[in-house]
Protein backbone atom coordinates (compact mmCIF):
# COMPACT_ATOMS: atom_id res chain seq x y z
CA LYS A 1 -0.05 -0.17 0.07
CA GLU A 2 2.81 2.33 0.49
CA LEU A 3 4.54 1.54 -3.07
CA PHE A 4 3.38 2.46 -6.42
CA ILE A 5 4.16 -0.65 -8.47
CA VAL A 6 4.93 -0.39 -12.44
CA THR A 7 5.65 -3.21 -14.85
CA LYS A 8 5.79 -3.37 -18.40
CA GLU A 9 5.15 -6.28 -20.84
CA SER A 10 7.17 -7.37 -23.77
CA ASP A 11 5.93 -7.27 -27.52
CA SER A 12 2.28 -8.05 -26.93
CA LYS A 13 0.04 -7.45 -29.95
CA THR A 14 -3.19 -8.99 -28.80
CA ALA A 15 -5.61 -8.64 -25.52
CA ALA A 16 -4.75 -12.42 -24.91
CA ASP A 17 -0.99 -11.54 -24.90
CA LEU A 18 -1.49 -8.50 -22.64
CA GLU A 19 -3.18 -10.33 -20.22
CA LYS A 20 -0.58 -13.41 -20.26
CA CYS A 21 2.10 -10.85 -19.69
CA LEU A 22 0.29 -9.07 -16.74
CA GLN A 23 -0.53 -12.45 -15.12
CA THR A 24 3.21 -13.31 -15.51
CA SER A 25 4.24 -10.13 -13.79
CA LEU A 26 1.79 -10.41 -11.19
CA LYS A 27 2.79 -13.90 -10.36
CA ARG A 28 6.43 -12.91 -10.38
CA MET A 29 5.92 -9.98 -8.12
CA HIS A 30 3.61 -11.81 -5.54
CA THR A 31 0.82 -9.37 -6.17
CA LYS A 32 -2.59 -9.07 -7.20
CA TYR A 33 -2.52 -5.76 -8.91
CA VAL A 34 0.03 -3.16 -10.30
CA ASP A 35 -0.56 0.49 -10.32
CA LEU A 36 0.73 1.38 -13.73
CA TYR A 37 0.99 -1.28 -16.71
CA PHE A 38 2.98 -0.26 -19.64
CA GLY A 39 1.02 -2.48 -22.03
CA ILE A 40 2.64 -1.52 -25.07
CA TYR A 41 6.55 -1.64 -24.86
CA ARG A 42 8.71 0.38 -27.19
CA MET A 43 5.62 1.67 -29.14
CA HIS A 44 6.64 3.24 -32.38
CA ASP A 45 3.48 3.20 -34.37
CA PRO A 46 0.44 5.08 -32.85
CA GLY A 47 -1.67 2.36 -34.69
CA GLN A 48 -0.91 0.15 -31.87
CA LEU A 49 -3.40 2.00 -29.72
CA THR A 50 -6.34 -0.15 -31.11
CA ASP A 51 -9.82 -0.76 -29.76
CA GLU A 52 -8.81 -4.13 -28.79
CA VAL A 53 -6.19 -2.77 -26.50
CA LYS A 54 -8.52 -0.07 -25.11
CA LYS A 55 -11.15 -2.71 -24.18
CA TRP A 56 -8.64 -4.81 -22.48
CA ALA A 57 -7.24 -1.94 -20.63
CA GLU A 58 -10.66 -0.80 -19.32
CA ASP A 59 -11.48 -4.45 -18.43
CA ALA A 60 -8.19 -4.89 -16.49
CA LYS A 61 -9.10 -1.62 -14.40
CA ARG A 62 -12.60 -2.93 -13.71
CA ARG A 63 -11.06 -6.23 -12.45
CA LYS A 64 -8.57 -4.22 -10.31
CA LEU A 65 -5.66 -5.79 -11.87
CA ILE A 66 -4.35 -2.32 -12.92
CA ARG A 67 -5.06 1.18 -12.00
CA PHE A 68 -3.48 2.98 -15.03
CA PHE A 69 -2.41 1.92 -18.37
CA GLY A 70 0.16 3.21 -20.57
CA PHE A 71 3.03 2.51 -22.85
CA SER A 72 6.77 3.25 -23.28
CA THR A 73 8.36 4.67 -26.58
CA HIS A 74 11.72 5.26 -27.92
CA LYS A 75 11.10 5.96 -31.73
CA ASN A 76 8.45 8.22 -33.50
CA MET A 77 7.71 9.62 -30.00
CA SER A 78 6.17 12.88 -30.88
CA GLN A 79 3.51 11.21 -33.21
CA CYS A 80 2.93 8.27 -30.63
CA LEU A 81 2.30 11.02 -27.71
CA SER A 82 0.12 13.36 -29.95
CA VAL A 83 -2.26 10.37 -30.98
CA ALA A 84 -2.18 9.13 -27.17
CA ALA A 85 -3.38 12.68 -26.28
CA THR A 86 -6.31 12.50 -28.41
CA CYS A 87 -7.52 8.85 -27.61
CA GLY A 88 -8.77 9.69 -23.93
CA TRP A 89 -7.78 6.22 -22.46
CA VAL A 90 -3.88 6.40 -22.12
CA ASP A 91 -3.02 7.36 -18.46
CA ALA A 92 0.75 7.45 -18.76
CA ILE A 93 3.70 7.38 -21.12
CA GLN A 94 7.42 6.79 -20.49
CA ASN A 95 9.42 8.25 -23.16
CA SER A 96 13.12 9.52 -23.94
CA TYR A 97 13.35 13.12 -22.65
CA ASN A 98 16.54 15.26 -22.36
CA CYS A 99 18.30 18.26 -23.13
CA ARG A 100 18.41 17.47 -26.65
CA LEU A 101 14.69 16.69 -26.97
CA MET A 102 13.66 19.58 -24.99
CA LYS A 103 14.57 21.69 -28.02
CA ASP A 104 12.52 19.58 -30.50
CA ASP A 105 9.48 21.62 -31.45
CA LYS A 106 7.37 18.44 -32.23
CA MET A 107 8.28 16.98 -29.34
CA GLN A 108 7.44 20.02 -27.10
CA ALA A 109 3.91 20.17 -28.76
CA ALA A 110 3.56 16.43 -28.16
CA ILE A 111 4.43 16.86 -24.43
CA GLU A 112 2.17 19.90 -24.16
CA ALA A 113 -0.74 17.68 -25.74
CA CYS A 114 -0.16 14.91 -23.32
CA TYR A 115 0.11 17.26 -20.31
CA LYS A 116 -3.07 19.03 -21.21
CA ALA A 117 -4.88 15.70 -21.64
CA GLY A 118 -3.94 14.59 -18.00
CA ILE A 119 -1.50 12.09 -19.25
CA GLY A 120 1.59 11.35 -16.86
CA LEU A 121 4.71 11.56 -18.51
CA ILE A 122 7.67 9.66 -17.06
CA ALA A 123 11.20 10.71 -18.58
CA MET A 124 13.76 8.29 -19.57
CA LYS A 125 17.23 8.54 -21.31
CA THR A 126 17.59 11.87 -19.32
CA GLN A 127 21.33 11.54 -19.50
CA ALA A 128 21.63 11.61 -23.32
CA LYS A 129 25.44 12.33 -24.05
CA LYS A 130 27.77 14.76 -22.82
CA ILE A 131 26.66 18.36 -22.57
CA ASN A 132 28.41 20.05 -25.33
CA ALA A 133 26.41 22.31 -27.26
CA ASP A 134 25.77 25.91 -26.14
CA GLU A 135 21.90 25.17 -26.04
CA ASP A 136 22.40 22.05 -23.81
CA LYS A 137 24.58 24.17 -21.48
CA LYS A 138 21.86 26.84 -21.18
CA LEU A 139 19.41 24.20 -19.74
CA THR A 140 21.97 22.90 -17.20
CA GLU A 141 24.10 25.83 -16.65
CA HIS A 142 22.35 27.20 -13.46
CA PHE A 143 22.53 23.55 -11.77
CA LEU A 144 26.10 23.21 -12.58
CA LYS A 145 26.94 26.55 -11.08
CA GLN A 146 25.24 25.42 -7.95
CA GLY A 147 27.73 22.46 -7.68
CA PHE A 148 25.70 19.75 -9.15
CA THR A 149 27.42 17.14 -11.46
CA GLU A 150 26.53 17.05 -14.85
CA GLY A 151 24.48 14.02 -14.50
CA GLN A 152 22.61 15.53 -11.66
CA ALA A 153 22.00 18.71 -13.81
CA LYS A 154 20.70 16.83 -16.79
CA ILE A 155 18.18 15.09 -14.42
CA LYS A 156 17.41 18.35 -12.81
CA ALA A 157 16.79 20.28 -16.05
CA VAL A 158 14.19 17.55 -17.07
CA LEU A 159 12.28 17.31 -13.84
CA GLU A 160 12.11 21.19 -13.87
CA ASP A 161 9.57 20.92 -16.55
CA LYS A 162 6.43 20.63 -14.77
CA ARG A 163 4.88 18.76 -17.53
CA ILE A 164 7.10 15.72 -16.52
CA SER A 165 5.63 13.55 -13.56
CA SER A 166 8.57 11.60 -12.79
CA ALA A 167 11.96 10.15 -14.30
CA CYS A 168 13.33 6.63 -14.75
CA VAL A 169 17.14 7.40 -14.75
CA ALA A 170 19.52 4.18 -15.72
CA MET A 171 22.95 4.25 -14.05
CA GLN A 172 24.98 1.45 -15.29
CA ASN A 173 27.35 1.27 -12.45
CA VAL A 174 27.98 2.34 -8.73
CA ALA A 175 30.08 5.21 -9.64
CA LEU A 176 27.64 6.97 -11.97
CA LEU A 177 25.08 6.34 -9.27
CA THR A 178 27.18 8.09 -6.69
CA SER A 179 27.82 10.94 -9.08
CA ASN A 180 24.13 11.47 -9.95
């Protein structure tokens, strides 16, 4: 009751696949429900937001197996987010978002549309590459001046955006974790 539990599936195409993957996750985690289920993993085609998936998500909510439904995306993100903002049944999206993507006009419009639609946005890939462009530095400069590391500055720049609900930050080793 004190945790917000999230899981994701892997390559489900049908409602039966979504159900099977969710049941596998529930069993593995020894729980009867998850708060957020990313039912479409690595979505790149908004056409994956089918009526079948919508009906399954609504049914899974009714059965109290999930509280919220969403997807993760790495490619064609602005189009996927824009379509999700209009469909009315996607609750959350985990998408790449970093200093470089913060300057992309299409991505900004899609982020804004999702925010206005009440979709929770979870930023991933926040670290991108080294800060080198002057525009990247503008986004992180005030954090660097406060003594934050480059990694911390990148995370803070993303989380400073009020439209971003949370960040999923991958750190490959303990040294990077300590630095961030």
